Amino acid sequence: MQESHLILWGGIFSVIGLTFFIYGKNKKKDLLFYTGVSLFIYPYFISNVLAMILVGMLLVSFPYFYKVFTQK
């Protein structure tokens, strides 16, 4: 059962990564581009569902928090 959850969550975060990737590429925003690439790649290396969800949520929220904390 865990295998199907891994595939599901990996697919969800890969689709989110695809949107980050395309938007970052079109707007020439490197942070979003590389976040999208990392969202594509990381599901291949994590085999625990909870860890996959936590890392995915961290990666998805990273550009927002980076922008908030680096503003002057």
PDB file of N, CA and C in Angstrom:
ATOM      1  N   MET A   1       0.818  -1.195   0.000  1.00  0.00           N
ATOM      2  CA  MET A   1       0.000   0.000   0.000  1.00  0.00           C
ATOM      3  C   MET A   1       0.863   1.260   0.000  1.00  0.00           C
ATOM      4  N   GLN A   2       1.999   1.191   0.671  1.00  0.00           N
ATOM      5  CA  GLN A   2       2.866   2.361   0.736  1.00  0.00           C
ATOM      6  C   GLN A   2       3.423   2.713  -0.645  1.00  0.00           C
ATOM      7  N   GLU A   3       3.627   1.724  -1.483  1.00  0.00           N
ATOM      8  CA  GLU A   3       4.151   1.958  -2.829  1.00  0.00           C
ATOM      9  C   GLU A   3       3.215   2.862  -3.629  1.00  0.00           C
ATOM     10  N   SER A   4       1.912   2.628  -3.526  1.00  0.00           N
ATOM     11  CA  SER A   4       0.966   3.455  -4.278  1.00  0.00           C
ATOM     12  C   SER A   4       0.933   4.882  -3.747  1.00  0.00           C
ATOM     13  N   HIS A   5       1.119   5.040  -2.445  1.00  0.00           N
ATOM     14  CA  HIS A   5       1.163   6.383  -1.873  1.00  0.00           C
ATOM     15  C   HIS A   5       2.422   7.122  -2.318  1.00  0.00           C
ATOM     16  N   LEU A   6       3.532   6.407  -2.425  1.00  0.00           N
ATOM     17  CA  LEU A   6       4.765   7.026  -2.912  1.00  0.00           C
ATOM     18  C   LEU A   6       4.605   7.522  -4.339  1.00  0.00           C
ATOM     19  N   ILE A   7       3.967   6.717  -5.171  1.00  0.00           N
ATOM     20  CA  ILE A   7       3.744   7.109  -6.559  1.00  0.00           C
ATOM     21  C   ILE A   7       2.799   8.307  -6.632  1.00  0.00           C
ATOM     22  N   LEU A   8       1.750   8.288  -5.826  1.00  0.00           N
ATOM     23  CA  LEU A   8       0.791   9.391  -5.812  1.00  0.00           C
ATOM     24  C   LEU A   8       1.450  10.701  -5.396  1.00  0.00           C
ATOM     25  N   TRP A   9       2.133  10.701  -4.256  1.00  0.00           N
ATOM     26  CA  TRP A   9       2.761  11.928  -3.769  1.00  0.00           C
ATOM     27  C   TRP A   9       3.914  12.365  -4.662  1.00  0.00           C
ATOM     28  N   GLY A  10       4.647  11.417  -5.193  1.00  0.00           N
ATOM     29  CA  GLY A  10       5.703  11.775  -6.142  1.00  0.00           C
ATOM     30  C   GLY A  10       5.134  12.444  -7.379  1.00  0.00           C
ATOM     31  N   GLY A  11       4.005  11.965  -7.847  1.00  0.00           N
ATOM     32  CA  GLY A  11       3.345  12.581  -9.001  1.00  0.00           C
ATOM     33  C   GLY A  11       2.824  13.968  -8.696  1.00  0.00           C
ATOM     34  N   ILE A  12       2.240  14.133  -7.523  1.00  0.00           N
ATOM     35  CA  ILE A  12       1.710  15.449  -7.135  1.00  0.00           C
ATOM     36  C   ILE A  12       2.839  16.474  -7.070  1.00  0.00           C
ATOM     37  N   PHE A  13       3.916  16.131  -6.389  1.00  0.00           N
ATOM     38  CA  PHE A  13       5.015  17.091  -6.261  1.00  0.00           C
ATOM     39  C   PHE A  13       5.759  17.280  -7.577  1.00  0.00           C
ATOM     40  N   SER A  14       5.754  16.286  -8.441  1.00  0.00           N
ATOM     41  CA  SER A  14       6.365  16.466  -9.760  1.00  0.00           C
ATOM     42  C   SER A  14       5.558  17.431 -10.618  1.00  0.00           C
ATOM     43  N   VAL A  15       4.242  17.372 -10.525  1.00  0.00           N
ATOM     44  CA  VAL A  15       3.399  18.319 -11.273  1.00  0.00           C
ATOM     45  C   VAL A  15       3.594  19.739 -10.743  1.00  0.00           C
ATOM     46  N   ILE A  16       3.677  19.879  -9.435  1.00  0.00           N
ATOM     47  CA  ILE A  16       3.965  21.197  -8.850  1.00  0.00           C
ATOM     48  C   ILE A  16       5.339  21.672  -9.305  1.00  0.00           C
ATOM     49  N   GLY A  17       6.305  20.767  -9.335  1.00  0.00           N
ATOM     50  CA  GLY A  17       7.637  21.103  -9.816  1.00  0.00           C
ATOM     51  C   GLY A  17       7.635  21.512 -11.280  1.00  0.00           C
ATOM     52  N   LEU A  18       6.787  20.882 -12.080  1.00  0.00           N
ATOM     53  CA  LEU A  18       6.678  21.247 -13.487  1.00  0.00           C
ATOM     54  C   LEU A  18       6.186  22.684 -13.635  1.00  0.00           C
ATOM     55  N   THR A  19       5.214  23.070 -12.823  1.00  0.00           N
ATOM     56  CA  THR A  19       4.722  24.452 -12.898  1.00  0.00           C
ATOM     57  C   THR A  19       5.799  25.440 -12.449  1.00  0.00           C
ATOM     58  N   PHE A  20       6.525  25.114 -11.376  1.00  0.00           N
ATOM     59  CA  PHE A  20       7.627  25.976 -10.938  1.00  0.00           C
ATOM     60  C   PHE A  20       8.678  26.087 -12.041  1.00  0.00           C
ATOM     61  N   PHE A  21       9.008  24.959 -12.655  1.00  0.00           N
ATOM     62  CA  PHE A  21      10.024  24.908 -13.698  1.00  0.00           C
ATOM     63  C   PHE A  21       9.637  25.770 -14.894  1.00  0.00           C
ATOM     64  N   ILE A  22       8.433  25.605 -15.385  1.00  0.00           N
ATOM     65  CA  ILE A  22       7.985  26.360 -16.559  1.00  0.00           C
ATOM     66  C   ILE A  22       7.895  27.849 -16.243  1.00  0.00           C
ATOM     67  N   TYR A  23       7.324  28.193 -15.105  1.00  0.00           N
ATOM     68  CA  TYR A  23       7.203  29.601 -14.734  1.00  0.00           C
ATOM     69  C   TYR A  23       8.580  30.232 -14.536  1.00  0.00           C
ATOM     70  N   GLY A  24       9.467  29.529 -13.867  1.00  0.00           N
ATOM     71  CA  GLY A  24      10.815  30.048 -13.654  1.00  0.00           C
ATOM     72  C   GLY A  24      11.592  30.202 -14.949  1.00  0.00           C
ATOM     73  N   LYS A  25      11.382  29.284 -15.870  1.00  0.00           N
ATOM     74  CA  LYS A  25      12.069  29.365 -17.157  1.00  0.00           C
ATOM     75  C   LYS A  25      11.535  30.533 -17.980  1.00  0.00           C
ATOM     76  N   ASN A  26      10.222  30.709 -18.006  1.00  0.00           N
ATOM     77  CA  ASN A  26       9.633  31.781 -18.803  1.00  0.00           C
ATOM     78  C   ASN A  26       9.934  33.161 -18.233  1.00  0.00           C
ATOM     79  N   LYS A  27       9.923  33.299 -16.927  1.00  0.00           N
ATOM     80  CA  LYS A  27      10.160  34.597 -16.288  1.00  0.00           C
ATOM     81  C   LYS A  27      11.622  34.828 -15.934  1.00  0.00           C
ATOM     82  N   LYS A  28      12.471  33.853 -16.245  1.00  0.00           N
ATOM     83  CA  LYS A  28      13.905  33.913 -15.945  1.00  0.00           C
ATOM     84  C   LYS A  28      14.164  34.154 -14.455  1.00  0.00           C
ATOM     85  N   LYS A  29      13.470  33.369 -13.646  1.00  0.00           N
ATOM     86  CA  LYS A  29      13.651  33.410 -12.192  1.00  0.00           C
ATOM     87  C   LYS A  29      14.334  32.114 -11.774  1.00  0.00           C
ATOM     88  N   ASP A  30      15.609  32.232 -11.457  1.00  0.00           N
ATOM     89  CA  ASP A  30      16.422  31.049 -11.178  1.00  0.00           C
ATOM     90  C   ASP A  30      15.940  30.265  -9.963  1.00  0.00           C
ATOM     91  N   LEU A  31      15.495  30.963  -8.928  1.00  0.00           N
ATOM     92  CA  LEU A  31      15.053  30.270  -7.716  1.00  0.00           C
ATOM     93  C   LEU A  31      13.892  29.325  -8.017  1.00  0.00           C
ATOM     94  N   LEU A  32      12.901  29.802  -8.761  1.00  0.00           N
ATOM     95  CA  LEU A  32      11.766  28.945  -9.097  1.00  0.00           C
ATOM     96  C   LEU A  32      12.170  27.836 -10.064  1.00  0.00           C
ATOM     97  N   PHE A  33      13.054  28.146 -10.982  1.00  0.00           N
ATOM     98  CA  PHE A  33      13.532  27.140 -11.929  1.00  0.00           C
ATOM     99  C   PHE A  33      14.204  25.969 -11.202  1.00  0.00           C
ATOM    100  N   TYR A  34      15.137  26.287 -10.307  1.00  0.00           N
ATOM    101  CA  TYR A  34      15.863  25.224  -9.606  1.00  0.00           C
ATOM    102  C   TYR A  34      15.002  24.529  -8.544  1.00  0.00           C
ATOM    103  N   THR A  35      14.034  25.234  -7.987  1.00  0.00           N
ATOM    104  CA  THR A  35      13.095  24.575  -7.079  1.00  0.00           C
ATOM    105  C   THR A  35      12.259  23.556  -7.847  1.00  0.00           C
ATOM    106  N   GLY A  36      11.834  23.918  -9.053  1.00  0.00           N
ATOM    107  CA  GLY A  36      11.092  22.985  -9.894  1.00  0.00           C
ATOM    108  C   GLY A  36      11.901  21.751 -10.247  1.00  0.00           C
ATOM    109  N   VAL A  37      13.159  21.945 -10.574  1.00  0.00           N
ATOM    110  CA  VAL A  37      14.037  20.808 -10.890  1.00  0.00           C
ATOM    111  C   VAL A  37      14.200  19.905  -9.674  1.00  0.00           C
ATOM    112  N   SER A  38      14.375  20.514  -8.512  1.00  0.00           N
ATOM    113  CA  SER A  38      14.541  19.696  -7.302  1.00  0.00           C
ATOM    114  C   SER A  38      13.256  18.951  -6.954  1.00  0.00           C
ATOM    115  N   LEU A  39      12.099  19.548  -7.258  1.00  0.00           N
ATOM    116  CA  LEU A  39      10.838  18.841  -7.016  1.00  0.00           C
ATOM    117  C   LEU A  39      10.666  17.665  -7.974  1.00  0.00           C
ATOM    118  N   PHE A  40      11.259  17.737  -9.155  1.00  0.00           N
ATOM    119  CA  PHE A  40      11.256  16.588 -10.070  1.00  0.00           C
ATOM    120  C   PHE A  40      12.093  15.444  -9.521  1.00  0.00           C
ATOM    121  N   ILE A  41      13.256  15.785  -8.986  1.00  0.00           N
ATOM    122  CA  ILE A  41      14.284  14.789  -8.688  1.00  0.00           C
ATOM    123  C   ILE A  41      14.115  14.115  -7.333  1.00  0.00           C
ATOM    124  N   TYR A  42      13.716  14.846  -6.313  1.00  0.00           N
ATOM    125  CA  TYR A  42      13.781  14.291  -4.959  1.00  0.00           C
ATOM    126  C   TYR A  42      12.907  13.056  -4.719  1.00  0.00           C
ATOM    127  N   PRO A  43      11.758  12.865  -5.389  1.00  0.00           N
ATOM    128  CA  PRO A  43      10.988  11.636  -5.100  1.00  0.00           C
ATOM    129  C   PRO A  43      11.720  10.334  -5.424  1.00  0.00           C
ATOM    130  N   TYR A  44      12.729  10.391  -6.283  1.00  0.00           N
ATOM    131  CA  TYR A  44      13.481   9.188  -6.619  1.00  0.00           C
ATOM    132  C   TYR A  44      14.389   8.728  -5.481  1.00  0.00           C
ATOM    133  N   PHE A  45      14.677   9.609  -4.530  1.00  0.00           N
ATOM    134  CA  PHE A  45      15.627   9.293  -3.473  1.00  0.00           C
ATOM    135  C   PHE A  45      14.995   9.070  -2.107  1.00  0.00           C
ATOM    136  N   ILE A  46      13.707   9.292  -1.979  1.00  0.00           N
ATOM    137  CA  ILE A  46      13.043   9.155  -0.681  1.00  0.00           C
ATOM    138  C   ILE A  46      12.033   8.012  -0.772  1.00  0.00           C
ATOM    139  N   SER A  47      12.107   7.078   0.172  1.00  0.00           N
ATOM    140  CA  SER A  47      11.235   5.909   0.122  1.00  0.00           C
ATOM    141  C   SER A  47      10.232   5.864   1.268  1.00  0.00           C
ATOM    142  N   ASN A  48      10.140   6.925   2.037  1.00  0.00           N
ATOM    143  CA  ASN A  48       9.178   7.002   3.133  1.00  0.00           C
ATOM    144  C   ASN A  48       8.138   8.064   2.777  1.00  0.00           C
ATOM    145  N   VAL A  49       6.858   7.731   2.920  1.00  0.00           N
ATOM    146  CA  VAL A  49       5.784   8.624   2.512  1.00  0.00           C
ATOM    147  C   VAL A  49       5.802   9.915   3.326  1.00  0.00           C
ATOM    148  N   LEU A  50       5.931   9.805   4.623  1.00  0.00           N
ATOM    149  CA  LEU A  50       5.921  10.989   5.479  1.00  0.00           C
ATOM    150  C   LEU A  50       7.104  11.909   5.162  1.00  0.00           C
ATOM    151  N   ALA A  51       8.271  11.331   4.975  1.00  0.00           N
ATOM    152  CA  ALA A  51       9.445  12.128   4.625  1.00  0.00           C
ATOM    153  C   ALA A  51       9.259  12.791   3.267  1.00  0.00           C
ATOM    154  N   MET A  52       8.643  12.083   2.323  1.00  0.00           N
ATOM    155  CA  MET A  52       8.415  12.655   1.006  1.00  0.00           C
ATOM    156  C   MET A  52       7.474  13.854   1.083  1.00  0.00           C
ATOM    157  N   ILE A  53       6.424  13.729   1.880  1.00  0.00           N
ATOM    158  CA  ILE A  53       5.473  14.836   2.023  1.00  0.00           C
ATOM    159  C   ILE A  53       6.145  16.029   2.694  1.00  0.00           C
ATOM    160  N   LEU A  54       6.910  15.782   3.753  1.00  0.00           N
ATOM    161  CA  LEU A  54       7.566  16.876   4.466  1.00  0.00           C
ATOM    162  C   LEU A  54       8.601  17.588   3.598  1.00  0.00           C
ATOM    163  N   VAL A  55       9.417  16.839   2.899  1.00  0.00           N
ATOM    164  CA  VAL A  55      10.422  17.450   2.029  1.00  0.00           C
ATOM    165  C   VAL A  55       9.740  18.200   0.890  1.00  0.00           C
ATOM    166  N   GLY A  56       8.692  17.631   0.337  1.00  0.00           N
ATOM    167  CA  GLY A  56       7.963  18.303  -0.737  1.00  0.00           C
ATOM    168  C   GLY A  56       7.336  19.604  -0.283  1.00  0.00           C
ATOM    169  N   MET A  57       6.745  19.607   0.900  1.00  0.00           N
ATOM    170  CA  MET A  57       6.155  20.834   1.418  1.00  0.00           C
ATOM    171  C   MET A  57       7.235  21.870   1.710  1.00  0.00           C
ATOM    172  N   LEU A  58       8.371  21.424   2.186  1.00  0.00           N
ATOM    173  CA  LEU A  58       9.484  22.337   2.437  1.00  0.00           C
ATOM    174  C   LEU A  58       9.974  22.962   1.130  1.00  0.00           C
ATOM    175  N   LEU A  59      10.132  22.153   0.093  1.00  0.00           N
ATOM    176  CA  LEU A  59      10.594  22.669  -1.191  1.00  0.00           C
ATOM    177  C   LEU A  59       9.571  23.606  -1.831  1.00  0.00           C
ATOM    178  N   VAL A  60       8.295  23.285  -1.715  1.00  0.00           N
ATOM    179  CA  VAL A  60       7.258  24.135  -2.302  1.00  0.00           C
ATOM    180  C   VAL A  60       7.212  25.489  -1.600  1.00  0.00           C
ATOM    181  N   SER A  61       7.390  25.497  -0.286  1.00  0.00           N
ATOM    182  CA  SER A  61       7.302  26.748   0.457  1.00  0.00           C
ATOM    183  C   SER A  61       8.615  27.529   0.481  1.00  0.00           C
ATOM    184  N   PHE A  62       9.714  26.929   0.060  1.00  0.00           N
ATOM    185  CA  PHE A  62      11.019  27.582   0.122  1.00  0.00           C
ATOM    186  C   PHE A  62      11.069  28.918  -0.630  1.00  0.00           C
ATOM    187  N   PRO A  63      10.577  29.019  -1.881  1.00  0.00           N
ATOM    188  CA  PRO A  63      10.660  30.316  -2.571  1.00  0.00           C
ATOM    189  C   PRO A  63       9.910  31.429  -1.841  1.00  0.00           C
ATOM    190  N   TYR A  64       8.788  31.118  -1.243  1.00  0.00           N
ATOM    191  CA  TYR A  64       8.032  32.129  -0.498  1.00  0.00           C
ATOM    192  C   TYR A  64       8.828  32.635   0.700  1.00  0.00           C
ATOM    193  N   PHE A  65       9.329  31.726   1.512  1.00  0.00           N
ATOM    194  CA  PHE A  65      10.066  32.132   2.701  1.00  0.00           C
ATOM    195  C   PHE A  65      11.392  32.801   2.349  1.00  0.00           C
ATOM    196  N   TYR A  66      12.016  32.378   1.269  1.00  0.00           N
ATOM    197  CA  TYR A  66      13.242  33.039   0.819  1.00  0.00           C
ATOM    198  C   TYR A  66      12.954  34.493   0.468  1.00  0.00           C
ATOM    199  N   LYS A  67      11.842  34.714  -0.243  1.00  0.00           N
ATOM    200  CA  LYS A  67      11.474  36.078  -0.610  1.00  0.00           C
ATOM    201  C   LYS A  67      11.130  36.911   0.604  1.00  0.00           C
ATOM    202  N   VAL A  68      10.401  36.348   1.560  1.00  0.00           N
ATOM    203  CA  VAL A  68       9.997  37.090   2.758  1.00  0.00           C
ATOM    204  C   VAL A  68      11.203  37.470   3.602  1.00  0.00           C
ATOM    205  N   PHE A  69      12.112  36.544   3.811  1.00  0.00           N
ATOM    206  CA  PHE A  69      13.232  36.798   4.716  1.00  0.00           C
ATOM    207  C   PHE A  69      14.387  37.570   4.077  1.00  0.00           C
ATOM    208  N   THR A  70      14.410  37.677   2.750  1.00  0.00           N
ATOM    209  CA  THR A  70      15.499  38.412   2.123  1.00  0.00           C
ATOM    210  C   THR A  70      15.098  39.810   1.684  1.00  0.00           C
ATOM    211  N   GLN A  71      13.841  40.184   1.887  1.00  0.00           N
ATOM    212  CA  GLN A  71      13.429  41.561   1.565  1.00  0.00           C
ATOM    213  C   GLN A  71      14.013  42.529   2.568  1.00  0.00           C
ATOM    214  N   LYS A  72      14.286  43.710   2.103  1.00  0.00           N
ATOM    215  CA  LYS A  72      14.869  44.725   2.987  1.00  0.00           C
ATOM    216  C   LYS A  72      13.805  45.534   3.664  1.00  0.00           C
TER     217      LYS A  72
END
